[in-house]
Amino acid sequence: MHKLQPAAPAHDQMDVIVIGEALIDVVNGPEGSISYPGGSPANVAYGLGRLGIPTGLLTAIGGDEHGTAITNHLHSAGVRLLPGSISLERTATATATLAADGSASYEFDIAWQLAPVAPAMIPKVLHTGSIATFLAPGAATVRTLLEQCHQSCLVTYDPNIRPALLGSHSEAQSVFEDLLPLTDVVKLSDEDAHWLYPAFSPDEVLSHLLEQGARLAVITKGAEGALLATPDARFSIPSVKTKVADTIGAGDAYMAALIFELLTRGDEAFTPPGLEAIGQTASMAAAITVSRPGANPPTAEELQTRLAGPRRRRHTVAYS
């Protein structure tokens, strides 16, 4: 693909630009159906805005009622919708059905095609992931944007695997691995890791991601906590015990808090003390989110208040 051109001159510096889908989640639960603005990248952008990070989202939504709801939702957290994002006839939807334990399964009605424009400035962090990196034709545009930006900023990636929307396993794995050299930080859920690499243990998956060039690899394991690894150190961070309303948006809240810590700590984030702090902050953000319905991540004040409580025990495996 040819080099994409900026949509418009930059006026305000953004620390993070998120590229990916925004949609409406229709949640079917025991008490009926409720609709929420969602989509993993949009949730990450919203979570960053709630944490006070200047954030923009490059996406593809319609000028319809659903698109207006998404725009208002993002604006409520201070997130800027970047030029070219209102480009579809109809905004995508995802229907989530909740199980008894609060976990969700999804069915999608989505078209993914980005306008051929690039952000007008290079942020400190560029984040992408989920459907946006797999579904044609928009996935090719996302890859072009990563190629143009990855040497100038930190790139974070959460594939957020949705098997129902992917081709064969080998095709999806090839797409995922093709993007790894363009990224610095990769986060998988344990379900993502198992789907992509069914023959690998979580520790082997982390090693593989690091061998492909990631500076930081993360696997979240729900109630069992998370594993974080750099080439020099590995941590197992326990989850924060909490009563679960549902798990919608938990991984996205974790990702937003992880990016928040990367921005706050800079290169220190990749040291053992920084790694531990990242894991604790992100786990707390996920716990707050699952304690209430929908993708409702914490504000900076909520997160800092909870983190000021007693520190949780963590397990460490360090490598020289």
Protein backbone atom coordinates (compact mmCIF):
# COMPACT_ATOMS: atom_id res chain seq x y z
CA MET A 1 0.00 0.00 0.00
CA HIS A 2 1.19 3.52 -0.75
CA LYS A 3 2.21 5.86 2.02
CA LEU A 4 -0.89 7.22 3.74
CA GLN A 5 -1.27 10.98 3.98
CA PRO A 6 -2.16 12.93 7.14
CA ALA A 7 -5.83 13.84 7.34
CA ALA A 8 -5.26 17.33 8.74
CA PRO A 9 -2.65 19.40 10.57
CA ALA A 10 -2.15 18.51 14.23
CA HIS A 11 -3.32 21.11 16.72
CA ASP A 12 -3.06 19.36 20.07
CA GLN A 13 -0.39 16.87 21.04
CA MET A 14 -1.76 13.42 21.88
CA ASP A 15 0.26 11.04 24.01
CA VAL A 16 -1.52 7.98 22.59
CA ILE A 17 -3.22 7.23 19.30
CA VAL A 18 -5.34 4.08 19.16
CA ILE A 19 -6.19 2.53 15.79
CA GLY A 20 -9.01 0.01 15.60
CA GLU A 21 -12.69 -0.78 15.66
CA ALA A 22 -15.42 0.95 17.63
CA LEU A 23 -18.83 -0.66 17.82
CA ILE A 24 -21.93 -1.13 19.93
CA ASP A 25 -21.99 -4.07 22.34
CA VAL A 26 -25.47 -5.50 22.78
CA VAL A 27 -25.30 -7.49 26.01
CA ASN A 28 -27.88 -10.24 26.58
CA GLY A 29 -28.06 -11.16 30.24
CA PRO A 30 -30.52 -12.59 32.76
CA GLU A 31 -32.25 -9.21 33.09
CA GLY A 32 -32.61 -8.49 29.36
CA SER A 33 -30.54 -6.62 26.79
CA ILE A 34 -28.40 -3.52 27.34
CA SER A 35 -26.33 -1.64 24.75
CA TYR A 36 -22.89 -0.15 25.40
CA PRO A 37 -20.31 1.55 23.20
CA GLY A 38 -17.47 -0.95 22.80
CA GLY A 39 -14.87 -2.55 20.59
CA SER A 40 -11.51 -3.44 22.13
CA PRO A 41 -9.46 -0.54 20.67
CA ALA A 42 -12.21 1.97 21.47
CA ASN A 43 -12.37 0.59 25.04
CA VAL A 44 -8.61 1.04 25.40
CA ALA A 45 -8.86 4.63 24.15
CA TYR A 46 -11.73 5.31 26.56
CA GLY A 47 -9.78 3.75 29.43
CA LEU A 48 -6.77 5.94 28.68
CA GLY A 49 -8.98 9.02 28.56
CA ARG A 50 -10.45 8.11 31.96
CA LEU A 51 -6.88 7.90 33.27
CA GLY A 52 -6.17 11.44 32.08
CA ILE A 53 -4.01 10.54 29.07
CA PRO A 54 -4.46 12.75 25.96
CA THR A 55 -5.72 10.16 23.49
CA GLY A 56 -7.05 10.01 19.94
CA LEU A 57 -8.89 7.17 18.19
CA LEU A 58 -8.70 6.44 14.46
CA THR A 59 -11.61 4.14 13.67
CA ALA A 60 -14.50 3.54 11.24
CA ILE A 61 -18.07 4.22 12.36
CA GLY A 62 -21.24 5.46 10.71
CA GLY A 63 -22.99 8.78 11.04
CA ASP A 64 -25.95 6.92 12.53
CA GLU A 65 -27.42 6.73 16.03
CA HIS A 66 -24.89 4.10 17.12
CA GLY A 67 -22.01 6.18 15.76
CA THR A 68 -23.25 9.24 17.64
CA ALA A 69 -23.47 7.22 20.86
CA ILE A 70 -19.86 6.06 20.40
CA THR A 71 -18.64 9.59 19.65
CA ASN A 72 -20.37 11.03 22.72
CA HIS A 73 -19.03 8.19 24.88
CA LEU A 74 -15.45 8.83 23.78
CA HIS A 75 -15.79 12.59 24.17
CA SER A 76 -17.03 12.10 27.73
CA ALA A 77 -13.57 10.73 28.58
CA GLY A 78 -11.75 13.43 26.62
CA VAL A 79 -10.86 11.10 23.71
CA ARG A 80 -10.58 12.74 20.29
CA LEU A 81 -12.13 10.99 17.30
CA LEU A 82 -9.58 11.52 14.53
CA PRO A 83 -10.47 12.83 11.06
CA GLY A 84 -11.68 10.13 8.67
CA SER A 85 -13.26 8.02 11.43
CA ILE A 86 -16.90 8.64 10.41
CA SER A 87 -16.70 6.74 7.14
CA LEU A 88 -19.24 3.88 7.15
CA GLU A 89 -22.93 3.68 6.26
CA ARG A 90 -23.66 1.63 9.39
CA THR A 91 -21.85 1.32 12.72
CA ALA A 92 -20.81 -2.21 13.65
CA THR A 93 -22.39 -4.20 16.48
CA ALA A 94 -21.31 -7.11 18.66
CA THR A 95 -23.88 -9.17 20.56
CA ALA A 96 -22.49 -10.51 23.83
CA THR A 97 -24.24 -13.30 25.72
CA LEU A 98 -23.30 -13.61 29.38
CA ALA A 99 -22.71 -16.97 31.05
CA ALA A 100 -23.43 -17.66 34.72
CA ASP A 101 -19.84 -16.78 35.71
CA GLY A 102 -20.02 -13.39 33.99
CA SER A 103 -17.93 -14.40 30.97
CA ALA A 104 -19.16 -13.35 27.54
CA SER A 105 -19.43 -14.95 24.09
CA TYR A 106 -19.82 -12.74 21.00
CA GLU A 107 -21.51 -12.57 17.61
CA PHE A 108 -20.46 -9.74 15.26
CA ASP A 109 -22.02 -7.61 12.54
CA ILE A 110 -19.00 -5.66 11.36
CA ALA A 111 -17.36 -4.18 8.29
CA TRP A 112 -13.81 -2.90 8.74
CA GLN A 113 -12.41 -0.41 6.25
CA LEU A 114 -10.34 2.58 7.30
CA ALA A 115 -10.24 5.77 5.30
CA PRO A 116 -6.81 6.09 3.56
CA VAL A 117 -5.50 8.72 5.96
CA ALA A 118 -2.86 8.73 8.67
CA PRO A 119 -2.77 10.62 11.97
CA ALA A 120 -1.30 14.09 11.50
CA MET A 121 1.27 13.59 14.26
CA ILE A 122 3.37 10.84 15.82
CA PRO A 123 2.29 10.07 19.40
CA LYS A 124 4.41 8.72 22.23
CA VAL A 125 2.47 5.42 22.03
CA LEU A 126 0.56 3.90 19.12
CA HIS A 127 -1.83 1.12 20.12
CA THR A 128 -3.75 -1.28 17.92
CA GLY A 129 -5.29 -4.71 18.04
CA SER A 130 -8.32 -6.94 17.85
CA ILE A 131 -10.47 -7.26 14.72
CA ALA A 132 -8.76 -4.25 13.15
CA THR A 133 -5.51 -6.14 12.60
CA PHE A 134 -7.09 -9.22 11.01
CA LEU A 135 -10.19 -8.23 9.03
CA ALA A 136 -9.74 -7.11 5.41
CA PRO A 137 -9.59 -4.59 3.91
CA GLY A 138 -8.89 -2.38 6.92
CA ALA A 139 -6.16 -4.63 8.33
CA ALA A 140 -3.84 -3.71 5.45
CA THR A 141 -4.24 -0.02 6.29
CA VAL A 142 -3.45 -0.71 9.95
CA ARG A 143 -0.28 -2.52 8.96
CA THR A 144 0.79 0.38 6.74
CA LEU A 145 0.31 2.79 9.64
CA LEU A 146 2.46 0.60 11.89
CA GLU A 147 5.18 0.47 9.23
CA GLN A 148 5.19 4.26 9.03
CA CYS A 149 5.23 4.86 12.80
CA HIS A 150 6.98 1.98 14.58
CA GLN A 151 10.48 3.46 14.47
CA SER A 152 9.27 6.80 15.85
CA CYS A 153 7.12 5.75 18.83
CA LEU A 154 6.33 2.85 21.16
CA VAL A 155 3.85 0.42 19.59
CA THR A 156 1.56 -1.74 21.73
CA TYR A 157 -0.57 -4.60 20.41
CA ASP A 158 -3.41 -6.72 21.80
CA PRO A 159 -4.72 -9.20 19.19
CA ASN A 160 -7.83 -9.95 21.28
CA ILE A 161 -8.54 -13.05 19.18
CA ARG A 162 -12.11 -13.50 17.88
CA PRO A 163 -12.06 -16.91 16.14
CA ALA A 164 -15.51 -16.40 14.58
CA LEU A 165 -14.14 -13.52 12.50
CA LEU A 166 -10.83 -15.06 11.49
CA GLY A 167 -9.86 -17.35 8.64
CA SER A 168 -7.90 -20.50 9.27
CA HIS A 169 -5.65 -20.84 12.28
CA SER A 170 -2.54 -20.76 10.11
CA GLU A 171 -3.69 -17.58 8.31
CA ALA A 172 -4.46 -15.78 11.57
CA GLN A 173 -1.21 -16.86 13.16
CA SER A 174 0.66 -15.63 10.08
CA VAL A 175 -1.02 -12.21 10.30
CA PHE A 176 -0.23 -11.97 14.00
CA GLU A 177 3.42 -12.91 13.57
CA ASP A 178 3.78 -10.58 10.59
CA LEU A 179 2.91 -7.65 12.88
CA LEU A 180 5.22 -8.63 15.75
CA PRO A 181 8.39 -7.02 14.27
CA LEU A 182 6.46 -3.73 14.14
CA THR A 183 5.48 -3.81 17.83
CA ASP A 184 7.25 -3.27 21.17
CA VAL A 185 4.68 -4.50 23.70
CA VAL A 186 2.34 -7.46 23.10
CA LYS A 187 -0.49 -8.52 25.43
CA LEU A 188 -2.43 -11.77 25.06
CA SER A 189 -5.10 -13.33 27.20
CA ASP A 190 -4.47 -16.95 28.12
CA GLU A 191 -7.26 -17.84 25.66
CA ASP A 192 -5.50 -15.87 22.90
CA ALA A 193 -2.19 -17.56 23.70
CA HIS A 194 -3.73 -21.04 23.65
CA TRP A 195 -5.59 -20.39 20.39
CA LEU A 196 -2.51 -19.02 18.63
CA TYR A 197 -0.03 -21.54 20.07
CA PRO A 198 -1.95 -24.60 21.33
CA ALA A 199 1.21 -26.66 21.77
CA PHE A 200 3.01 -24.03 23.88
CA SER A 201 2.85 -23.40 27.61
CA PRO A 202 2.26 -19.75 28.62
CA ASP A 203 5.95 -19.43 29.50
CA GLU A 204 6.90 -20.76 26.07
CA VAL A 205 4.56 -18.27 24.41
CA LEU A 206 6.23 -15.42 26.29
CA SER A 207 9.65 -16.65 25.18
CA HIS A 208 8.47 -16.87 21.59
CA LEU A 209 7.11 -13.31 21.60
CA LEU A 210 10.36 -11.99 23.04
CA GLU A 211 12.34 -13.89 20.41
CA GLN A 212 10.25 -12.16 17.76
CA GLY A 213 11.44 -8.80 19.06
CA ALA A 214 8.96 -7.70 21.72
CA ARG A 215 10.47 -5.64 24.55
CA LEU A 216 7.61 -6.66 26.85
CA ALA A 217 5.25 -9.64 26.54
CA VAL A 218 2.20 -10.12 28.76
CA ILE A 219 -0.30 -12.94 29.23
CA THR A 220 -3.36 -12.26 31.36
CA LYS A 221 -5.03 -15.24 33.05
CA GLY A 222 -8.21 -13.81 34.54
CA ALA A 223 -8.63 -14.78 38.18
CA GLU A 224 -5.20 -16.45 38.10
CA GLY A 225 -3.38 -13.15 37.54
CA ALA A 226 -0.92 -12.28 34.78
CA LEU A 227 2.57 -13.07 33.52
CA LEU A 228 4.86 -10.24 32.39
CA ALA A 229 8.22 -10.82 30.73
CA THR A 230 11.13 -8.88 29.28
CA PRO A 231 14.37 -10.46 28.04
CA ASP A 232 15.80 -9.86 31.54
CA ALA A 233 13.01 -10.61 34.02
CA ARG A 234 9.66 -12.30 34.49
CA PHE A 235 6.90 -11.67 37.01
CA SER A 236 3.74 -13.50 37.96
CA ILE A 237 1.30 -10.97 39.40
CA PRO A 238 -1.78 -12.28 41.25
CA SER A 239 -5.20 -10.92 40.39
CA VAL A 240 -7.04 -8.63 42.79
CA LYS A 241 -9.87 -10.52 44.46
CA THR A 242 -13.22 -8.95 43.69
CA LYS A 243 -16.87 -9.85 43.11
CA VAL A 244 -17.40 -10.12 39.34
CA ALA A 245 -20.36 -8.42 37.68
CA ASP A 246 -19.10 -9.36 34.21
CA THR A 247 -15.77 -9.57 32.41
CA ILE A 248 -16.61 -7.18 29.55
CA GLY A 249 -13.74 -4.76 28.97
CA ALA A 250 -11.46 -6.25 31.63
CA GLY A 251 -8.62 -6.95 29.21
CA ASP A 252 -9.01 -3.50 27.66
CA ALA A 253 -8.86 -1.81 31.07
CA TYR A 254 -5.71 -3.85 31.78
CA MET A 255 -4.21 -2.68 28.48
CA ALA A 256 -5.07 0.97 29.12
CA ALA A 257 -3.47 0.86 32.57
CA LEU A 258 -0.41 -0.87 31.12
CA ILE A 259 0.01 1.94 28.56
CA PHE A 260 -0.55 4.49 31.34
CA GLU A 261 2.36 2.98 33.25
CA LEU A 262 4.56 2.85 30.14
CA LEU A 263 4.01 6.58 29.65
CA THR A 264 4.56 7.37 33.32
CA ARG A 265 7.75 5.34 33.74
CA GLY A 266 9.46 5.59 30.36
CA ASP A 267 12.41 3.25 29.98
CA GLU A 268 12.20 2.39 33.70
CA ALA A 269 9.00 0.48 32.82
CA PHE A 270 11.15 -2.30 31.33
CA THR A 271 13.22 -2.81 34.49
CA PRO A 272 12.20 -5.39 37.16
CA PRO A 273 10.76 -2.74 39.54
CA GLY A 274 8.89 -1.11 36.68
CA LEU A 275 7.58 -4.45 35.48
CA GLU A 276 6.18 -5.26 38.90
CA ALA A 277 4.49 -1.85 39.17
CA ILE A 278 2.96 -2.23 35.71
CA GLY A 279 1.53 -5.63 36.63
CA GLN A 280 0.03 -4.38 39.89
CA THR A 281 -1.52 -1.27 38.34
CA ALA A 282 -2.99 -3.13 35.38
CA SER A 283 -4.39 -5.92 37.57
CA MET A 284 -6.09 -3.37 39.79
CA ALA A 285 -7.63 -1.61 36.78
CA ALA A 286 -9.03 -4.92 35.54
CA ALA A 287 -10.43 -5.76 38.98
CA ILE A 288 -12.25 -2.44 39.24
CA THR A 289 -13.71 -2.97 35.76
CA VAL A 290 -15.06 -6.48 36.37
CA SER A 291 -16.71 -5.33 39.60
CA ARG A 292 -19.32 -3.37 37.64
CA PRO A 293 -21.34 -4.04 34.46
CA GLY A 294 -20.00 -3.31 30.99
CA ALA A 295 -16.71 -1.83 29.83
CA ASN A 296 -16.48 0.72 32.64
CA PRO A 297 -12.77 1.25 33.44
CA PRO A 298 -11.49 3.25 36.41
CA THR A 299 -10.69 6.92 36.55
CA ALA A 300 -7.18 7.95 37.58
CA GLU A 301 -8.50 8.89 41.04
CA GLU A 302 -10.21 5.51 41.53
CA LEU A 303 -7.12 3.63 40.45
CA GLN A 304 -4.72 5.59 42.62
CA THR A 305 -7.01 5.28 45.66
CA ARG A 306 -7.18 1.50 45.30
CA LEU A 307 -3.45 1.19 44.66
CA ALA A 308 -2.73 3.12 47.85
CA GLY A 309 -4.15 0.19 49.84
CA PRO A 310 -2.10 -2.83 50.99
CA ARG A 311 0.29 -4.17 48.37
CA ARG A 312 -0.42 -7.65 47.08
CA ARG A 313 2.09 -10.47 47.25
CA ARG A 314 3.71 -11.23 43.92
CA HIS A 315 5.80 -14.11 42.61
CA THR A 316 9.02 -13.40 40.72
CA VAL A 317 11.22 -15.34 38.38
CA ALA A 318 14.27 -13.28 37.39
CA TYR A 319 16.66 -13.94 34.54
CA SER A 320 20.15 -12.50 34.18
